[in-house]
Amino acid sequence: MKNGLLKKIMAGTLLGIMTMGFVGCGSSGNDSKGESVDLLTTIQEKGKVVVGMSADYAPYEFHYIDENGKDVIGGFDVDIANEIASALGVELVIQEMDFDALVSALPAGKVDLVISGMNPTEKRAKVVDFSDVYYNSQHGILVRAEDKDKFKTFADLEGVKVGVQLGSTQEEIAKTEIPNVDLQQLANVNNLILELKAGKVDAIVMEKPVAEMAVKSNPELAVGIPSYEEKTGGNAVGIAKNNPELLAKVNEVINELNETGKMDEYILKANELAATADIVGEDEEE
């Protein structure tokens, strides 16, 4: 799923690989003869693929300060996006937005792909198509260290304030696994961590790799006991519906990364980067 998770760093620095404004992209359409055109053709004609991400989710994708003092986005989702762009022979453009806006951005033509640690749930699959799974992870809870052994199961969280990222799979897990859950929903994971440290929530439901990354730079926090394995299985790339050629190309890249071992290398690299880099997040508490 860092030594500076919540450092005071002004956001807004130009990103080396990112274009912040919306750019021209879209789902499959018709050519001048009225024939259906797969989005792959459109992407290759415009020379760039626009990938939607919510870059607040280390080690998947996150802002950090590079060796030149620039604010950039790293993580293994970024590496996957770069591999896909390279295979398509186009430039990668990252479009940031809140996680809960990513799925709707695909049919709206605001992005070409979504690569953001997203689970291919049945609900989302009604709106967009998904690639093969590229990574499997378990879900758990992040708590204050003194509460690590307090919650043995998700049911034990009944009656306490539980934080989740808005629009995430973890939001659905909390609703189904925690009786009468007192849900606190925020768009940004870093803000949720601040809420936990301040005592405004008692636990955050999140993917375990992300929780483990948070603990590395916040020793007052801990990964709790409850664990949940997502039944829909892992993380996948989101694609606007009815684009079989683009879907096939994305699956080809994912399969090659897995077969060559590069996917594991990217995951390891992202974890190491997230553990040592200056992560750009919200201000530290005073």
C-alpha atoms as a PDB file:
ATOM      1  CA  MET A   1       0.000   0.000   0.000  1.00  0.00           C
ATOM      2  CA  LYS A   2       8.054   8.252   5.184  1.00  0.00           C
ATOM      3  CA  ASN A   3       9.260  10.472   7.189  1.00  0.00           C
ATOM      4  CA  GLY A   4       7.235  13.543   6.267  1.00  0.00           C
ATOM      5  CA  LEU A   5       3.594  12.435   5.851  1.00  0.00           C
ATOM      6  CA  LEU A   6       2.229  15.608   7.383  1.00  0.00           C
ATOM      7  CA  LYS A   7       5.056  18.115   6.840  1.00  0.00           C
ATOM      8  CA  LYS A   8       4.219  21.777   6.325  1.00  0.00           C
ATOM      9  CA  ILE A   9       4.843  22.135   2.646  1.00  0.00           C
ATOM     10  CA  MET A  10       2.898  24.469   0.421  1.00  0.00           C
ATOM     11  CA  ALA A  11       1.088  22.533  -2.265  1.00  0.00           C
ATOM     12  CA  GLY A  12       0.788  23.881  -5.760  1.00  0.00           C
ATOM     13  CA  THR A  13       4.335  23.374  -7.023  1.00  0.00           C
ATOM     14  CA  LEU A  14       4.378  22.425 -10.662  1.00  0.00           C
ATOM     15  CA  LEU A  15       4.477  18.657 -11.059  1.00  0.00           C
ATOM     16  CA  GLY A  16       6.920  17.182 -13.510  1.00  0.00           C
ATOM     17  CA  ILE A  17       4.458  14.671 -14.938  1.00  0.00           C
ATOM     18  CA  MET A  18       1.162  16.268 -14.092  1.00  0.00           C
ATOM     19  CA  THR A  19      -1.208  18.653 -15.804  1.00  0.00           C
ATOM     20  CA  MET A  20      -3.688  20.024 -13.296  1.00  0.00           C
ATOM     21  CA  GLY A  21      -6.290  21.432 -15.654  1.00  0.00           C
ATOM     22  CA  PHE A  22      -8.763  19.282 -17.509  1.00  0.00           C
ATOM     23  CA  VAL A  23      -7.567  18.316 -20.931  1.00  0.00           C
ATOM     24  CA  GLY A  24      -9.339  17.037 -23.981  1.00  0.00           C
ATOM     25  CA  CYS A  25     -10.107  13.359 -23.641  1.00  0.00           C
ATOM     26  CA  GLY A  26     -13.118  11.163 -23.801  1.00  0.00           C
ATOM     27  CA  SER A  27     -14.771   7.811 -24.198  1.00  0.00           C
ATOM     28  CA  SER A  28     -15.287   6.011 -27.460  1.00  0.00           C
ATOM     29  CA  GLY A  29     -17.191   7.962 -30.081  1.00  0.00           C
ATOM     30  CA  ASN A  30     -17.721   8.144 -33.833  1.00  0.00           C
ATOM     31  CA  ASP A  31     -15.349   9.048 -36.621  1.00  0.00           C
ATOM     32  CA  SER A  32     -16.165  11.355 -39.538  1.00  0.00           C
ATOM     33  CA  LYS A  33     -18.014   8.492 -41.250  1.00  0.00           C
ATOM     34  CA  GLY A  34     -20.159   7.871 -38.191  1.00  0.00           C
ATOM     35  CA  GLU A  35     -18.420   4.603 -37.333  1.00  0.00           C
ATOM     36  CA  SER A  36     -17.645   3.719 -33.723  1.00  0.00           C
ATOM     37  CA  VAL A  37     -14.082   4.531 -32.638  1.00  0.00           C
ATOM     38  CA  ASP A  38     -12.418   2.777 -29.723  1.00  0.00           C
ATOM     39  CA  LEU A  39     -10.898   5.128 -27.151  1.00  0.00           C
ATOM     40  CA  LEU A  40      -7.487   3.596 -27.870  1.00  0.00           C
ATOM     41  CA  THR A  41      -7.508   5.223 -31.309  1.00  0.00           C
ATOM     42  CA  THR A  42      -8.480   8.586 -29.838  1.00  0.00           C
ATOM     43  CA  ILE A  43      -5.693   8.416 -27.241  1.00  0.00           C
ATOM     44  CA  GLN A  44      -3.062   7.571 -29.836  1.00  0.00           C
ATOM     45  CA  GLU A  45      -4.262  10.327 -32.162  1.00  0.00           C
ATOM     46  CA  LYS A  46      -4.055  13.005 -29.470  1.00  0.00           C
ATOM     47  CA  GLY A  47      -0.701  11.631 -28.233  1.00  0.00           C
ATOM     48  CA  LYS A  48      -1.550  11.477 -24.538  1.00  0.00           C
ATOM     49  CA  VAL A  49      -3.463   9.347 -22.054  1.00  0.00           C
ATOM     50  CA  VAL A  50      -5.168  11.124 -19.162  1.00  0.00           C
ATOM     51  CA  VAL A  51      -5.185   9.059 -15.984  1.00  0.00           C
ATOM     52  CA  GLY A  52      -7.376   9.985 -13.023  1.00  0.00           C
ATOM     53  CA  MET A  53      -5.895   9.594  -9.525  1.00  0.00           C
ATOM     54  CA  SER A  54      -6.524  10.656  -5.952  1.00  0.00           C
ATOM     55  CA  ALA A  55      -2.910  11.177  -4.904  1.00  0.00           C
ATOM     56  CA  ASP A  56      -3.294  10.889  -1.131  1.00  0.00           C
ATOM     57  CA  TYR A  57      -2.926   7.125  -0.753  1.00  0.00           C
ATOM     58  CA  ALA A  58       0.626   5.927  -0.174  1.00  0.00           C
ATOM     59  CA  PRO A  59       2.053   3.633  -1.442  1.00  0.00           C
ATOM     60  CA  TYR A  60      -0.397   3.641  -4.383  1.00  0.00           C
ATOM     61  CA  GLU A  61      -0.049   7.320  -5.308  1.00  0.00           C
ATOM     62  CA  PHE A  62       1.101  10.266  -3.231  1.00  0.00           C
ATOM     63  CA  HIS A  63       2.777  13.662  -3.427  1.00  0.00           C
ATOM     64  CA  TYR A  64       6.380  13.912  -2.298  1.00  0.00           C
ATOM     65  CA  ILE A  65       9.304  16.307  -2.643  1.00  0.00           C
ATOM     66  CA  ASP A  66      11.943  14.988  -5.036  1.00  0.00           C
ATOM     67  CA  GLU A  67      15.700  15.597  -4.980  1.00  0.00           C
ATOM     68  CA  ASN A  68      15.204  18.858  -6.876  1.00  0.00           C
ATOM     69  CA  GLY A  69      12.765  20.188  -4.313  1.00  0.00           C
ATOM     70  CA  LYS A  70       9.770  19.723  -6.613  1.00  0.00           C
ATOM     71  CA  ASP A  71       6.353  18.429  -5.635  1.00  0.00           C
ATOM     72  CA  VAL A  72       5.762  15.286  -7.724  1.00  0.00           C
ATOM     73  CA  ILE A  73       3.501  12.250  -7.593  1.00  0.00           C
ATOM     74  CA  GLY A  74       4.971   8.798  -6.984  1.00  0.00           C
ATOM     75  CA  GLY A  75       3.725   5.319  -6.151  1.00  0.00           C
ATOM     76  CA  PHE A  76       3.208   2.063  -7.982  1.00  0.00           C
ATOM     77  CA  ASP A  77      -0.031   3.255  -9.589  1.00  0.00           C
ATOM     78  CA  VAL A  78       2.064   5.968 -11.236  1.00  0.00           C
ATOM     79  CA  ASP A  79       4.558   3.345 -12.426  1.00  0.00           C
ATOM     80  CA  ILE A  80       1.707   1.297 -13.908  1.00  0.00           C
ATOM     81  CA  ALA A  81       0.319   4.402 -15.605  1.00  0.00           C
ATOM     82  CA  ASN A  82       3.742   5.146 -17.095  1.00  0.00           C
ATOM     83  CA  GLU A  83       4.016   1.579 -18.409  1.00  0.00           C
ATOM     84  CA  ILE A  84       0.598   1.835 -20.056  1.00  0.00           C
ATOM     85  CA  ALA A  85       1.453   5.196 -21.614  1.00  0.00           C
ATOM     86  CA  SER A  86       4.725   3.780 -22.932  1.00  0.00           C
ATOM     87  CA  ALA A  87       2.953   0.755 -24.424  1.00  0.00           C
ATOM     88  CA  LEU A  88       0.485   3.060 -26.152  1.00  0.00           C
ATOM     89  CA  GLY A  89       3.306   5.298 -27.389  1.00  0.00           C
ATOM     90  CA  VAL A  90       1.827   8.424 -25.805  1.00  0.00           C
ATOM     91  CA  GLU A  91       2.516  10.948 -23.045  1.00  0.00           C
ATOM     92  CA  LEU A  92       1.135  10.357 -19.535  1.00  0.00           C
ATOM     93  CA  VAL A  93      -0.972  13.138 -18.047  1.00  0.00           C
ATOM     94  CA  ILE A  94      -2.162  12.703 -14.446  1.00  0.00           C
ATOM     95  CA  GLN A  95      -5.464  14.353 -13.571  1.00  0.00           C
ATOM     96  CA  GLU A  96      -6.023  14.654  -9.834  1.00  0.00           C
ATOM     97  CA  MET A  97      -9.467  14.653  -8.290  1.00  0.00           C
ATOM     98  CA  ASP A  98     -11.230  13.427  -5.165  1.00  0.00           C
ATOM     99  CA  PHE A  99     -11.577   9.657  -5.053  1.00  0.00           C
ATOM    100  CA  ASP A 100     -15.372   9.744  -5.066  1.00  0.00           C
ATOM    101  CA  ALA A 101     -15.331  11.663  -8.379  1.00  0.00           C
ATOM    102  CA  LEU A 102     -13.121   9.224 -10.286  1.00  0.00           C
ATOM    103  CA  VAL A 103     -15.702   6.711 -11.500  1.00  0.00           C
ATOM    104  CA  SER A 104     -18.058   9.347 -12.912  1.00  0.00           C
ATOM    105  CA  ALA A 105     -15.114  11.077 -14.613  1.00  0.00           C
ATOM    106  CA  LEU A 106     -14.732   8.148 -17.039  1.00  0.00           C
ATOM    107  CA  PRO A 107     -18.142   8.215 -18.792  1.00  0.00           C
ATOM    108  CA  ALA A 108     -18.011  12.021 -18.634  1.00  0.00           C
ATOM    109  CA  GLY A 109     -14.820  11.949 -20.719  1.00  0.00           C
ATOM    110  CA  LYS A 110     -12.752  13.864 -18.161  1.00  0.00           C
ATOM    111  CA  VAL A 111     -10.167  11.080 -17.973  1.00  0.00           C
ATOM    112  CA  ASP A 112      -9.238   8.104 -20.145  1.00  0.00           C
ATOM    113  CA  LEU A 113      -8.314   5.705 -17.341  1.00  0.00           C
ATOM    114  CA  VAL A 114      -8.570   5.552 -13.560  1.00  0.00           C
ATOM    115  CA  ILE A 115      -5.608   4.028 -11.716  1.00  0.00           C
ATOM    116  CA  SER A 116      -6.074   4.792  -8.052  1.00  0.00           C
ATOM    117  CA  GLY A 117      -6.062   1.669  -5.887  1.00  0.00           C
ATOM    118  CA  MET A 118      -9.661   1.055  -6.949  1.00  0.00           C
ATOM    119  CA  ASN A 119     -11.543  -2.163  -6.268  1.00  0.00           C
ATOM    120  CA  PRO A 120     -13.650  -3.470  -9.190  1.00  0.00           C
ATOM    121  CA  THR A 121     -16.899  -3.677  -7.234  1.00  0.00           C
ATOM    122  CA  GLU A 122     -20.185  -4.771  -8.757  1.00  0.00           C
ATOM    123  CA  LYS A 123     -21.621  -1.290  -8.229  1.00  0.00           C
ATOM    124  CA  ARG A 124     -18.749   0.421 -10.050  1.00  0.00           C
ATOM    125  CA  ALA A 125     -18.794  -2.179 -12.827  1.00  0.00           C
ATOM    126  CA  LYS A 126     -22.281  -1.003 -13.755  1.00  0.00           C
ATOM    127  CA  VAL A 127     -20.752   2.335 -14.749  1.00  0.00           C
ATOM    128  CA  VAL A 128     -17.275   1.449 -16.049  1.00  0.00           C
ATOM    129  CA  ASP A 129     -15.279  -1.561 -17.214  1.00  0.00           C
ATOM    130  CA  PHE A 130     -12.294  -2.888 -15.281  1.00  0.00           C
ATOM    131  CA  SER A 131      -8.995  -4.435 -16.269  1.00  0.00           C
ATOM    132  CA  ASP A 132      -7.549  -7.588 -14.796  1.00  0.00           C
ATOM    133  CA  VAL A 133      -6.609  -7.213 -11.135  1.00  0.00           C
ATOM    134  CA  TYR A 134      -3.055  -5.915 -10.756  1.00  0.00           C
ATOM    135  CA  TYR A 135      -2.743  -6.039  -6.961  1.00  0.00           C
ATOM    136  CA  ASN A 136      -4.500  -7.796  -4.084  1.00  0.00           C
ATOM    137  CA  SER A 137      -4.666  -6.312  -0.621  1.00  0.00           C
ATOM    138  CA  GLN A 138      -6.475  -6.757   2.659  1.00  0.00           C
ATOM    139  CA  HIS A 139      -8.410  -4.129   4.546  1.00  0.00           C
ATOM    140  CA  GLY A 140      -8.018  -3.315   8.224  1.00  0.00           C
ATOM    141  CA  ILE A 141      -8.180  -0.446  10.660  1.00  0.00           C
ATOM    142  CA  LEU A 142      -5.814   2.298  11.776  1.00  0.00           C
ATOM    143  CA  VAL A 143      -6.169   3.258  15.446  1.00  0.00           C
ATOM    144  CA  ARG A 144      -4.280   5.095  18.151  1.00  0.00           C
ATOM    145  CA  ALA A 145      -1.579   2.832  19.591  1.00  0.00           C
ATOM    146  CA  GLU A 146      -3.229   2.619  23.014  1.00  0.00           C
ATOM    147  CA  ASP A 147      -6.345   1.201  21.325  1.00  0.00           C
ATOM    148  CA  LYS A 148      -4.577  -1.482  19.268  1.00  0.00           C
ATOM    149  CA  ASP A 149      -6.019  -4.393  21.278  1.00  0.00           C
ATOM    150  CA  LYS A 150      -9.328  -2.722  22.079  1.00  0.00           C
ATOM    151  CA  PHE A 151     -11.141  -3.702  18.906  1.00  0.00           C
ATOM    152  CA  LYS A 152     -10.980  -7.446  18.185  1.00  0.00           C
ATOM    153  CA  THR A 153     -13.531  -7.438  15.360  1.00  0.00           C
ATOM    154  CA  PHE A 154     -15.222  -4.888  13.134  1.00  0.00           C
ATOM    155  CA  ALA A 155     -18.362  -5.395  15.226  1.00  0.00           C
ATOM    156  CA  ASP A 156     -16.448  -4.029  18.242  1.00  0.00           C
ATOM    157  CA  LEU A 157     -16.401  -0.644  16.495  1.00  0.00           C
ATOM    158  CA  GLU A 158     -20.121  -0.198  17.116  1.00  0.00           C
ATOM    159  CA  GLY A 159     -20.773   3.060  18.936  1.00  0.00           C
ATOM    160  CA  VAL A 160     -17.418   4.698  18.123  1.00  0.00           C
ATOM    161  CA  LYS A 161     -16.603   7.198  15.387  1.00  0.00           C
ATOM    162  CA  VAL A 162     -15.142   5.462  12.347  1.00  0.00           C
ATOM    163  CA  GLY A 163     -13.395   7.364   9.543  1.00  0.00           C
ATOM    164  CA  VAL A 164     -13.442   6.343   5.872  1.00  0.00           C
ATOM    165  CA  GLN A 165     -12.454   7.920   2.584  1.00  0.00           C
ATOM    166  CA  LEU A 166     -15.530   9.201   0.785  1.00  0.00           C
ATOM    167  CA  GLY A 167     -16.615   6.931  -2.057  1.00  0.00           C
ATOM    168  CA  SER A 168     -14.122   4.178  -1.180  1.00  0.00           C
ATOM    169  CA  THR A 169     -14.575   0.430  -0.833  1.00  0.00           C
ATOM    170  CA  GLN A 170     -13.719   0.877   2.837  1.00  0.00           C
ATOM    171  CA  GLU A 171     -16.814   3.042   3.216  1.00  0.00           C
ATOM    172  CA  GLU A 172     -18.956   0.109   2.047  1.00  0.00           C
ATOM    173  CA  ILE A 173     -17.059  -2.324   4.291  1.00  0.00           C
ATOM    174  CA  ALA A 174     -17.699  -0.124   7.321  1.00  0.00           C
ATOM    175  CA  LYS A 175     -21.398   0.118   6.490  1.00  0.00           C
ATOM    176  CA  THR A 176     -21.791  -3.648   6.139  1.00  0.00           C
ATOM    177  CA  GLU A 177     -19.396  -4.951   8.804  1.00  0.00           C
ATOM    178  CA  ILE A 178     -19.897  -2.454  11.660  1.00  0.00           C
ATOM    179  CA  PRO A 179     -23.336  -2.449  13.350  1.00  0.00           C
ATOM    180  CA  ASN A 180     -24.939   0.998  13.592  1.00  0.00           C
ATOM    181  CA  VAL A 181     -21.691   2.563  12.409  1.00  0.00           C
ATOM    182  CA  ASP A 182     -21.060   6.216  13.273  1.00  0.00           C
ATOM    183  CA  LEU A 183     -19.392   7.036   9.970  1.00  0.00           C
ATOM    184  CA  GLN A 184     -17.140  10.056   9.463  1.00  0.00           C
ATOM    185  CA  GLN A 185     -16.491  10.545   5.731  1.00  0.00           C
ATOM    186  CA  LEU A 186     -13.706  12.722   4.334  1.00  0.00           C
ATOM    187  CA  ALA A 187     -12.311  12.976   0.817  1.00  0.00           C
ATOM    188  CA  ASN A 188      -8.642  12.994   1.862  1.00  0.00           C
ATOM    189  CA  VAL A 189      -6.916  10.184   3.763  1.00  0.00           C
ATOM    190  CA  ASN A 190      -4.343  12.547   5.277  1.00  0.00           C
ATOM    191  CA  ASN A 191      -7.182  14.534   6.847  1.00  0.00           C
ATOM    192  CA  LEU A 192      -8.612  11.327   8.287  1.00  0.00           C
ATOM    193  CA  ILE A 193      -5.270  10.562   9.928  1.00  0.00           C
ATOM    194  CA  LEU A 194      -5.244  14.021  11.484  1.00  0.00           C
ATOM    195  CA  GLU A 195      -8.773  13.401  12.788  1.00  0.00           C
ATOM    196  CA  LEU A 196      -7.610  10.130  14.364  1.00  0.00           C
ATOM    197  CA  LYS A 197      -4.578  11.718  16.008  1.00  0.00           C
ATOM    198  CA  ALA A 198      -6.767  14.523  17.361  1.00  0.00           C
ATOM    199  CA  GLY A 199      -9.258  12.065  18.853  1.00  0.00           C
ATOM    200  CA  LYS A 200     -12.088  13.117  16.556  1.00  0.00           C
ATOM    201  CA  VAL A 201     -12.410   9.567  15.196  1.00  0.00           C
ATOM    202  CA  ASP A 202     -11.502   6.322  16.982  1.00  0.00           C
ATOM    203  CA  ALA A 203     -10.530   4.222  13.968  1.00  0.00           C
ATOM    204  CA  ILE A 204     -10.093   4.490  10.209  1.00  0.00           C
ATOM    205  CA  VAL A 205     -11.030   1.625   7.911  1.00  0.00           C
ATOM    206  CA  MET A 206      -8.388   1.465   5.156  1.00  0.00           C
ATOM    207  CA  GLU A 207      -6.224  -0.904   3.187  1.00  0.00           C
ATOM    208  CA  LYS A 208      -3.558  -2.490   5.371  1.00  0.00           C
ATOM    209  CA  PRO A 209      -0.555  -1.360   3.273  1.00  0.00           C
ATOM    210  CA  VAL A 210      -1.770   2.225   3.561  1.00  0.00           C
ATOM    211  CA  ALA A 211      -2.282   1.863   7.322  1.00  0.00           C
ATOM    212  CA  GLU A 212       1.210   0.379   7.668  1.00  0.00           C
ATOM    213  CA  MET A 213       2.690   3.348   5.796  1.00  0.00           C
ATOM    214  CA  ALA A 214       0.893   5.763   8.126  1.00  0.00           C
ATOM    215  CA  VAL A 215       2.302   4.037  11.209  1.00  0.00           C
ATOM    216  CA  LYS A 216       5.886   4.376   9.955  1.00  0.00           C
ATOM    217  CA  SER A 217       5.740   8.152  10.343  1.00  0.00           C
ATOM    218  CA  ASN A 218       3.146   8.261  13.129  1.00  0.00           C
ATOM    219  CA  PRO A 219       4.370   5.942  15.919  1.00  0.00           C
ATOM    220  CA  GLU A 220       1.452   7.020  18.094  1.00  0.00           C
ATOM    221  CA  LEU A 221      -0.787   5.059  15.698  1.00  0.00           C
ATOM    222  CA  ALA A 222      -1.075   1.314  15.083  1.00  0.00           C
ATOM    223  CA  VAL A 223      -2.713  -1.184  12.738  1.00  0.00           C
ATOM    224  CA  GLY A 224      -5.608  -2.778  14.588  1.00  0.00           C
ATOM    225  CA  ILE A 225      -6.570  -6.456  14.791  1.00  0.00           C
ATOM    226  CA  PRO A 226      -9.641  -6.705  12.508  1.00  0.00           C
ATOM    227  CA  SER A 227      -8.954  -7.739   8.934  1.00  0.00           C
ATOM    228  CA  TYR A 228     -11.201  -8.009   5.909  1.00  0.00           C
ATOM    229  CA  GLU A 229     -10.453  -9.583   2.545  1.00  0.00           C
ATOM    230  CA  GLU A 230     -12.260  -7.819  -0.285  1.00  0.00           C
ATOM    231  CA  LYS A 231     -14.502 -10.354  -2.022  1.00  0.00           C
ATOM    232  CA  THR A 232     -14.427  -8.503  -5.354  1.00  0.00           C
ATOM    233  CA  GLY A 233     -10.698  -9.031  -5.381  1.00  0.00           C
ATOM    234  CA  GLY A 234      -7.867  -6.563  -5.545  1.00  0.00           C
ATOM    235  CA  ASN A 235      -7.292  -3.371  -7.483  1.00  0.00           C
ATOM    236  CA  ALA A 236      -7.912  -2.783 -11.176  1.00  0.00           C
ATOM    237  CA  VAL A 237      -7.747  -0.071 -13.834  1.00  0.00           C
ATOM    238  CA  GLY A 238     -11.054   1.644 -14.628  1.00  0.00           C
ATOM    239  CA  ILE A 239     -11.956   2.246 -18.283  1.00  0.00           C
ATOM    240  CA  ALA A 240     -15.021   3.801 -19.904  1.00  0.00           C
ATOM    241  CA  LYS A 241     -17.384   1.081 -21.116  1.00  0.00           C
ATOM    242  CA  ASN A 242     -17.287  -0.404 -24.609  1.00  0.00           C
ATOM    243  CA  ASN A 243     -13.603   0.131 -25.362  1.00  0.00           C
ATOM    244  CA  PRO A 244     -12.404  -3.459 -25.905  1.00  0.00           C
ATOM    245  CA  GLU A 245      -9.184  -2.570 -27.726  1.00  0.00           C
ATOM    246  CA  LEU A 246      -8.005  -0.246 -24.960  1.00  0.00           C
ATOM    247  CA  LEU A 247      -9.051  -2.762 -22.293  1.00  0.00           C
ATOM    248  CA  ALA A 248      -7.085  -5.503 -24.051  1.00  0.00           C
ATOM    249  CA  LYS A 249      -3.988  -3.288 -24.263  1.00  0.00           C
ATOM    250  CA  VAL A 250      -4.175  -2.397 -20.559  1.00  0.00           C
ATOM    251  CA  ASN A 251      -4.556  -6.072 -19.638  1.00  0.00           C
ATOM    252  CA  GLU A 252      -1.580  -6.897 -21.850  1.00  0.00           C
ATOM    253  CA  VAL A 253       0.575  -4.424 -19.884  1.00  0.00           C
ATOM    254  CA  ILE A 254      -0.645  -5.723 -16.503  1.00  0.00           C
ATOM    255  CA  ASN A 255       0.000  -9.340 -17.475  1.00  0.00           C
ATOM    256  CA  GLU A 256       3.500  -8.519 -18.730  1.00  0.00           C
ATOM    257  CA  LEU A 257       4.350  -6.631 -15.518  1.00  0.00           C
ATOM    258  CA  ASN A 258       3.260  -9.632 -13.472  1.00  0.00           C
ATOM    259  CA  GLU A 259       5.004 -12.211 -15.639  1.00  0.00           C
ATOM    260  CA  THR A 260       8.332 -10.331 -15.671  1.00  0.00           C
ATOM    261  CA  GLY A 261       8.254  -9.539 -11.948  1.00  0.00           C
ATOM    262  CA  LYS A 262       8.273  -5.788 -12.577  1.00  0.00           C
ATOM    263  CA  MET A 263       4.979  -5.366 -10.706  1.00  0.00           C
ATOM    264  CA  ASP A 264       6.587  -6.693  -7.521  1.00  0.00           C
ATOM    265  CA  GLU A 265       9.573  -4.398  -8.107  1.00  0.00           C
ATOM    266  CA  TYR A 266       7.289  -1.383  -8.442  1.00  0.00           C
ATOM    267  CA  ILE A 267       5.381  -2.298  -5.278  1.00  0.00           C
ATOM    268  CA  LEU A 268       8.625  -2.698  -3.333  1.00  0.00           C
ATOM    269  CA  LYS A 269      10.003   0.573  -4.708  1.00  0.00           C
ATOM    270  CA  ALA A 270       6.812   2.436  -3.824  1.00  0.00           C
ATOM    271  CA  ASN A 271       6.865   1.139  -0.259  1.00  0.00           C
ATOM    272  CA  GLU A 272      10.501   2.163   0.143  1.00  0.00           C
ATOM    273  CA  LEU A 273       9.812   5.596  -1.323  1.00  0.00           C
ATOM    274  CA  ALA A 274       6.788   6.122   0.902  1.00  0.00           C
ATOM    275  CA  ALA A 275       8.842   5.117   3.935  1.00  0.00           C
ATOM    276  CA  THR A 276      11.704   7.552   3.264  1.00  0.00           C
ATOM    277  CA  ALA A 277      10.432  10.472   1.177  1.00  0.00           C
ATOM    278  CA  ASP A 278       9.102  13.810   2.348  1.00  0.00           C
ATOM    279  CA  ILE A 279       5.395  13.223   1.786  1.00  0.00           C
ATOM    280  CA  VAL A 280       3.311  16.250   0.973  1.00  0.00           C
ATOM    281  CA  GLY A 281       0.162  16.245   3.091  1.00  0.00           C
ATOM    282  CA  GLU A 282      -1.765  18.427   5.445  1.00  0.00           C
ATOM    283  CA  ASP A 283      -0.081  20.622   8.045  1.00  0.00           C
ATOM    284  CA  GLU A 284       1.248  18.961  11.156  1.00  0.00           C
ATOM    285  CA  GLU A 285      -0.653  19.553  14.358  1.00  0.00           C
ATOM    286  CA  GLU A 286       0.742  22.342  16.478  1.00  0.00           C
END
